[in-house]
PDB file of N, CA and C in Angstrom:
ATOM      1  N   MET A   1     199.138 162.283 259.399  1.00  0.00           N
ATOM      2  CA  MET A   1     198.162 163.107 260.167  1.00  0.00           C
ATOM      3  C   MET A   1     196.692 162.708 259.616  1.00  0.00           C
ATOM      4  N   GLU A   2     195.806 162.369 260.678  1.00  0.00           N
ATOM      5  CA  GLU A   2     194.575 162.033 260.257  1.00  0.00           C
ATOM      6  C   GLU A   2     193.496 163.013 259.919  1.00  0.00           C
ATOM      7  N   THR A   3     192.876 162.915 258.840  1.00  0.00           N
ATOM      8  CA  THR A   3     191.652 164.105 258.724  1.00  0.00           C
ATOM      9  C   THR A   3     190.261 163.156 258.667  1.00  0.00           C
ATOM     10  N   ARG A   4     189.421 164.330 259.095  1.00  0.00           N
ATOM     11  CA  ARG A   4     187.927 163.701 259.438  1.00  0.00           C
ATOM     12  C   ARG A   4     186.895 164.544 258.398  1.00  0.00           C
ATOM     13  N   SER A   5     185.964 163.649 258.215  1.00  0.00           N
ATOM     14  CA  SER A   5     184.964 164.140 257.141  1.00  0.00           C
ATOM     15  C   SER A   5     184.243 165.451 257.785  1.00  0.00           C
ATOM     16  N   SER A   6     183.644 166.147 256.984  1.00  0.00           N
ATOM     17  CA  SER A   6     182.725 167.131 257.527  1.00  0.00           C
ATOM     18  C   SER A   6     181.451 166.674 258.436  1.00  0.00           C
ATOM     19  N   THR A   7     181.124 165.692 258.252  1.00  0.00           N
ATOM     20  CA  THR A   7     180.030 165.117 259.158  1.00  0.00           C
ATOM     21  C   THR A   7     180.668 164.538 260.302  1.00  0.00           C
ATOM     22  N   ASP A   8     181.821 164.248 260.542  1.00  0.00           N
ATOM     23  CA  ASP A   8     182.361 163.603 261.738  1.00  0.00           C
ATOM     24  C   ASP A   8     182.902 164.780 262.701  1.00  0.00           C
ATOM     25  N   LEU A   9     182.918 166.009 262.366  1.00  0.00           N
ATOM     26  CA  LEU A   9     183.514 167.020 263.196  1.00  0.00           C
ATOM     27  C   LEU A   9     182.521 167.443 264.541  1.00  0.00           C
ATOM     28  N   PRO A  10     183.323 167.725 265.737  1.00  0.00           N
ATOM     29  CA  PRO A  10     182.490 167.922 267.026  1.00  0.00           C
ATOM     30  C   PRO A  10     181.710 169.062 266.757  1.00  0.00           C
ATOM     31  N   PRO A  11     180.526 169.156 267.451  1.00  0.00           N
ATOM     32  CA  PRO A  11     179.497 170.170 267.387  1.00  0.00           C
ATOM     33  C   PRO A  11     180.111 171.374 267.794  1.00  0.00           C
ATOM     34  N   VAL A  12     179.803 172.623 267.392  1.00  0.00           N
ATOM     35  CA  VAL A  12     180.146 174.010 268.063  1.00  0.00           C
ATOM     36  C   VAL A  12     179.426 174.139 269.258  1.00  0.00           C
ATOM     37  N   ALA A  13     180.537 174.728 270.096  1.00  0.00           N
ATOM     38  CA  ALA A  13     179.972 174.901 271.446  1.00  0.00           C
ATOM     39  C   ALA A  13     179.017 176.052 271.545  1.00  0.00           C
ATOM     40  N   LYS A  14     177.807 175.615 271.711  1.00  0.00           N
ATOM     41  CA  LYS A  14     176.613 176.573 271.543  1.00  0.00           C
ATOM     42  C   LYS A  14     175.926 177.314 272.743  1.00  0.00           C
ATOM     43  N   ALA A  15     176.461 176.702 274.036  1.00  0.00           N
ATOM     44  CA  ALA A  15     175.883 177.167 275.120  1.00  0.00           C
ATOM     45  C   ALA A  15     176.712 177.347 276.327  1.00  0.00           C
ATOM     46  N   TYR A  16     176.075 178.595 277.038  1.00  0.00           N
ATOM     47  CA  TYR A  16     176.765 178.744 278.424  1.00  0.00           C
ATOM     48  C   TYR A  16     175.715 178.544 279.426  1.00  0.00           C
ATOM     49  N   ASN A  17     175.901 177.716 280.434  1.00  0.00           N
ATOM     50  CA  ASN A  17     174.865 177.379 281.399  1.00  0.00           C
ATOM     51  C   ASN A  17     173.652 176.515 280.744  1.00  0.00           C
ATOM     52  N   GLY A  18     173.806 175.842 279.557  1.00  0.00           N
ATOM     53  CA  GLY A  18     172.759 175.471 278.842  1.00  0.00           C
ATOM     54  C   GLY A  18     171.788 176.201 278.157  1.00  0.00           C
ATOM     55  N   VAL A  19     172.308 177.600 277.901  1.00  0.00           N
ATOM     56  CA  VAL A  19     171.642 178.512 277.354  1.00  0.00           C
ATOM     57  C   VAL A  19     172.318 179.176 275.905  1.00  0.00           C
ATOM     58  N   ASP A  20     171.596 179.376 274.928  1.00  0.00           N
ATOM     59  CA  ASP A  20     172.256 179.877 273.919  1.00  0.00           C
ATOM     60  C   ASP A  20     173.037 181.205 273.998  1.00  0.00           C
ATOM     61  N   ARG A  21     174.331 181.206 273.592  1.00  0.00           N
ATOM     62  CA  ARG A  21     175.271 182.585 273.781  1.00  0.00           C
ATOM     63  C   ARG A  21     174.660 183.758 273.341  1.00  0.00           C
ATOM     64  N   ASN A  22     173.940 183.653 272.313  1.00  0.00           N
ATOM     65  CA  ASN A  22     173.450 185.075 271.776  1.00  0.00           C
ATOM     66  C   ASN A  22     171.938 185.530 272.283  1.00  0.00           C
ATOM     67  N   ALA A  23     171.387 184.640 273.300  1.00  0.00           N
ATOM     68  CA  ALA A  23     170.232 184.906 273.944  1.00  0.00           C
ATOM     69  C   ALA A  23     170.183 186.332 274.575  1.00  0.00           C
ATOM     70  N   PHE A  24     169.430 187.254 274.546  1.00  0.00           N
ATOM     71  CA  PHE A  24     169.427 188.507 275.154  1.00  0.00           C
ATOM     72  C   PHE A  24     168.769 188.090 276.801  1.00  0.00           C
ATOM     73  N   LEU A  25     169.597 187.681 277.695  1.00  0.00           N
ATOM     74  CA  LEU A  25     169.090 187.440 278.877  1.00  0.00           C
ATOM     75  C   LEU A  25     169.208 188.655 279.838  1.00  0.00           C
ATOM     76  N   PHE A  26     168.481 188.846 280.829  1.00  0.00           N
ATOM     77  CA  PHE A  26     168.522 189.924 281.895  1.00  0.00           C
ATOM     78  C   PHE A  26     169.319 189.468 283.111  1.00  0.00           C
ATOM     79  N   GLY A  27     170.254 190.032 283.706  1.00  0.00           N
ATOM     80  CA  GLY A  27     170.835 189.876 284.995  1.00  0.00           C
ATOM     81  C   GLY A  27     172.189 189.359 284.914  1.00  0.00           C
ATOM     82  N   TRP A  28     172.764 188.825 285.770  1.00  0.00           N
ATOM     83  CA  TRP A  28     174.302 188.533 285.851  1.00  0.00           C
ATOM     84  C   TRP A  28     174.583 187.476 285.143  1.00  0.00           C
ATOM     85  N   THR A  29     174.736 187.304 283.783  1.00  0.00           N
ATOM     86  CA  THR A  29     174.778 185.980 283.145  1.00  0.00           C
ATOM     87  C   THR A  29     176.113 186.278 282.038  1.00  0.00           C
ATOM     88  N   PRO A  30     176.518 185.291 281.605  1.00  0.00           N
ATOM     89  CA  PRO A  30     177.646 185.467 280.681  1.00  0.00           C
ATOM     90  C   PRO A  30     177.023 186.024 279.135  1.00  0.00           C
ATOM     91  N   GLN A  31     175.733 186.007 279.044  1.00  0.00           N
ATOM     92  CA  GLN A  31     175.086 186.337 277.972  1.00  0.00           C
ATOM     93  C   GLN A  31     175.111 187.929 277.866  1.00  0.00           C
ATOM     94  N   ALA A  32     174.752 188.371 279.296  1.00  0.00           N
ATOM     95  CA  ALA A  32     174.577 189.790 279.256  1.00  0.00           C
ATOM     96  C   ALA A  32     175.799 190.430 279.127  1.00  0.00           C
ATOM     97  N   GLU A  33     176.993 189.934 279.591  1.00  0.00           N
ATOM     98  CA  GLU A  33     178.247 190.398 279.362  1.00  0.00           C
ATOM     99  C   GLU A  33     178.688 190.476 277.984  1.00  0.00           C
ATOM    100  N   ILE A  34     178.386 189.546 277.132  1.00  0.00           N
ATOM    101  CA  ILE A  34     178.666 189.433 275.736  1.00  0.00           C
ATOM    102  C   ILE A  34     177.725 190.628 275.127  1.00  0.00           C
ATOM    103  N   TRP A  35     176.521 190.852 275.577  1.00  0.00           N
ATOM    104  CA  TRP A  35     175.712 191.833 274.822  1.00  0.00           C
ATOM    105  C   TRP A  35     176.399 193.282 275.343  1.00  0.00           C
ATOM    106  N   ASN A  36     176.994 193.398 276.486  1.00  0.00           N
ATOM    107  CA  ASN A  36     177.327 194.572 277.251  1.00  0.00           C
ATOM    108  C   ASN A  36     178.492 195.091 276.424  1.00  0.00           C
ATOM    109  N   GLY A  37     179.430 194.174 276.065  1.00  0.00           N
ATOM    110  CA  GLY A  37     180.593 194.324 275.284  1.00  0.00           C
ATOM    111  C   GLY A  37     180.290 194.748 273.773  1.00  0.00           C
ATOM    112  N   ARG A  38     179.263 194.178 273.369  1.00  0.00           N
ATOM    113  CA  ARG A  38     178.940 194.607 272.005  1.00  0.00           C
ATOM    114  C   ARG A  38     178.041 196.071 271.752  1.00  0.00           C
ATOM    115  N   LEU A  39     177.365 196.266 272.804  1.00  0.00           N
ATOM    116  CA  LEU A  39     176.658 197.436 272.773  1.00  0.00           C
ATOM    117  C   LEU A  39     178.031 198.592 273.059  1.00  0.00           C
ATOM    118  N   ALA A  40     178.864 198.203 273.984  1.00  0.00           N
ATOM    119  CA  ALA A  40     179.921 199.244 274.399  1.00  0.00           C
ATOM    120  C   ALA A  40     180.714 199.569 273.089  1.00  0.00           C
ATOM    121  N   ALA A  41     180.966 198.718 272.319  1.00  0.00           N
ATOM    122  CA  ALA A  41     181.592 198.750 271.093  1.00  0.00           C
ATOM    123  C   ALA A  41     180.873 199.512 269.862  1.00  0.00           C
ATOM    124  N   ILE A  42     179.672 199.256 269.867  1.00  0.00           N
ATOM    125  CA  ILE A  42     178.809 200.293 268.954  1.00  0.00           C
ATOM    126  C   ILE A  42     178.800 201.736 269.545  1.00  0.00           C
ATOM    127  N   GLY A  43     178.979 201.825 270.827  1.00  0.00           N
ATOM    128  CA  GLY A  43     178.694 203.180 271.515  1.00  0.00           C
ATOM    129  C   GLY A  43     179.866 204.007 271.168  1.00  0.00           C
ATOM    130  N   PHE A  44     181.040 203.249 271.262  1.00  0.00           N
ATOM    131  CA  PHE A  44     182.402 203.838 270.812  1.00  0.00           C
ATOM    132  C   PHE A  44     182.665 204.240 269.591  1.00  0.00           C
ATOM    133  N   LEU A  45     182.134 203.386 268.619  1.00  0.00           N
ATOM    134  CA  LEU A  45     182.220 203.588 267.259  1.00  0.00           C
ATOM    135  C   LEU A  45     181.409 204.828 267.143  1.00  0.00           C
ATOM    136  N   GLY A  46     180.279 204.969 267.642  1.00  0.00           N
ATOM    137  CA  GLY A  46     179.181 205.904 267.274  1.00  0.00           C
ATOM    138  C   GLY A  46     179.856 207.270 267.878  1.00  0.00           C
ATOM    139  N   TYR A  47     180.523 207.266 268.950  1.00  0.00           N
ATOM    140  CA  TYR A  47     181.308 208.461 269.284  1.00  0.00           C
ATOM    141  C   TYR A  47     182.240 208.857 268.647  1.00  0.00           C
ATOM    142  N   LEU A  48     183.120 208.106 268.067  1.00  0.00           N
ATOM    143  CA  LEU A  48     184.112 208.358 267.117  1.00  0.00           C
ATOM    144  C   LEU A  48     183.572 208.997 266.010  1.00  0.00           C
ATOM    145  N   LEU A  49     182.723 208.538 265.250  1.00  0.00           N
ATOM    146  CA  LEU A  49     182.203 209.006 264.065  1.00  0.00           C
ATOM    147  C   LEU A  49     181.693 210.395 264.564  1.00  0.00           C
ATOM    148  N   TRP A  50     180.925 210.357 265.539  1.00  0.00           N
ATOM    149  CA  TRP A  50     180.355 211.938 265.949  1.00  0.00           C
ATOM    150  C   TRP A  50     181.474 213.051 266.251  1.00  0.00           C
ATOM    151  N   ASP A  51     182.602 212.527 266.740  1.00  0.00           N
ATOM    152  CA  ASP A  51     183.742 213.248 266.708  1.00  0.00           C
ATOM    153  C   ASP A  51     184.417 213.586 265.476  1.00  0.00           C
ATOM    154  N   LEU A  52     184.646 212.755 264.645  1.00  0.00           N
ATOM    155  CA  LEU A  52     184.972 213.022 263.232  1.00  0.00           C
ATOM    156  C   LEU A  52     184.124 214.003 262.519  1.00  0.00           C
ATOM    157  N   ALA A  53     182.807 214.050 262.874  1.00  0.00           N
ATOM    158  CA  ALA A  53     181.861 215.035 262.198  1.00  0.00           C
ATOM    159  C   ALA A  53     182.208 216.217 262.734  1.00  0.00           C
ATOM    160  N   GLY A  54     183.003 216.582 263.923  1.00  0.00           N
ATOM    161  CA  GLY A  54     183.233 217.962 264.371  1.00  0.00           C
ATOM    162  C   GLY A  54     182.422 218.103 265.628  1.00  0.00           C
ATOM    163  N   TYR A  55     181.600 217.325 266.182  1.00  0.00           N
ATOM    164  CA  TYR A  55     181.039 217.699 267.265  1.00  0.00           C
ATOM    165  C   TYR A  55     181.406 216.829 268.472  1.00  0.00           C
ATOM    166  N   SER A  56     182.548 217.230 268.914  1.00  0.00           N
ATOM    167  CA  SER A  56     183.298 216.539 270.174  1.00  0.00           C
ATOM    168  C   SER A  56     182.894 216.911 271.396  1.00  0.00           C
ATOM    169  N   VAL A  57     182.045 216.268 272.099  1.00  0.00           N
ATOM    170  CA  VAL A  57     181.764 216.755 273.572  1.00  0.00           C
ATOM    171  C   VAL A  57     182.846 217.055 274.465  1.00  0.00           C
ATOM    172  N   LEU A  58     183.981 215.945 274.235  1.00  0.00           N
ATOM    173  CA  LEU A  58     185.077 215.965 275.201  1.00  0.00           C
ATOM    174  C   LEU A  58     185.931 217.389 274.696  1.00  0.00           C
ATOM    175  N   ARG A  59     186.072 217.874 273.814  1.00  0.00           N
ATOM    176  CA  ARG A  59     186.884 219.104 273.341  1.00  0.00           C
ATOM    177  C   ARG A  59     185.825 220.214 273.697  1.00  0.00           C
ATOM    178  N   ASP A  60     184.521 220.237 273.772  1.00  0.00           N
ATOM    179  CA  ASP A  60     183.678 221.643 274.193  1.00  0.00           C
ATOM    180  C   ASP A  60     183.801 221.453 275.741  1.00  0.00           C
ATOM    181  N   VAL A  61     184.057 220.307 276.419  1.00  0.00           N
ATOM    182  CA  VAL A  61     184.021 220.622 277.761  1.00  0.00           C
ATOM    183  C   VAL A  61     185.331 221.031 278.271  1.00  0.00           C
ATOM    184  N   LEU A  62     186.419 220.479 277.701  1.00  0.00           N
ATOM    185  CA  LEU A  62     187.688 221.073 277.928  1.00  0.00           C
ATOM    186  C   LEU A  62     187.849 222.432 277.644  1.00  0.00           C
ATOM    187  N   HIS A  63     187.217 222.789 276.411  1.00  0.00           N
ATOM    188  CA  HIS A  63     187.223 224.419 275.976  1.00  0.00           C
ATOM    189  C   HIS A  63     186.681 225.214 277.081  1.00  0.00           C
ATOM    190  N   ILE A  64     185.324 224.739 277.517  1.00  0.00           N
ATOM    191  CA  ILE A  64     184.724 225.586 278.611  1.00  0.00           C
ATOM    192  C   ILE A  64     185.558 225.360 279.942  1.00  0.00           C
ATOM    193  N   ILE A  65     186.273 224.532 280.326  1.00  0.00           N
ATOM    194  CA  ILE A  65     186.842 224.403 281.448  1.00  0.00           C
ATOM    195  C   ILE A  65     188.197 225.309 281.459  1.00  0.00           C
ATOM    196  N   SER A  66     188.674 225.633 280.328  1.00  0.00           N
ATOM    197  CA  SER A  66     189.960 226.404 280.200  1.00  0.00           C
ATOM    198  C   SER A  66     189.873 227.973 280.277  1.00  0.00           C
ATOM    199  N   TYR A  67     188.241 228.283 280.382  1.00  0.00           N
ATOM    200  CA  TYR A  67     188.000 229.810 280.510  1.00  0.00           C
ATOM    201  C   TYR A  67     188.426 230.187 281.892  1.00  0.00           C
TER     202      TYR A  67
END
């Protein structure tokens, strides 16, 4: 098996469409989809923490509907 030195490694894929992956771009771009997923994960985690604290929107709505 052949080993390569750290200076001989290929560059990390940095871009989609020639633009940095983490750039905050507006519109229908791969970067926007990455940010959408990140923000959705943060929102989901926030709701889980809110629910663990005892403030469940879903439970309250189901309780109101069951009357």
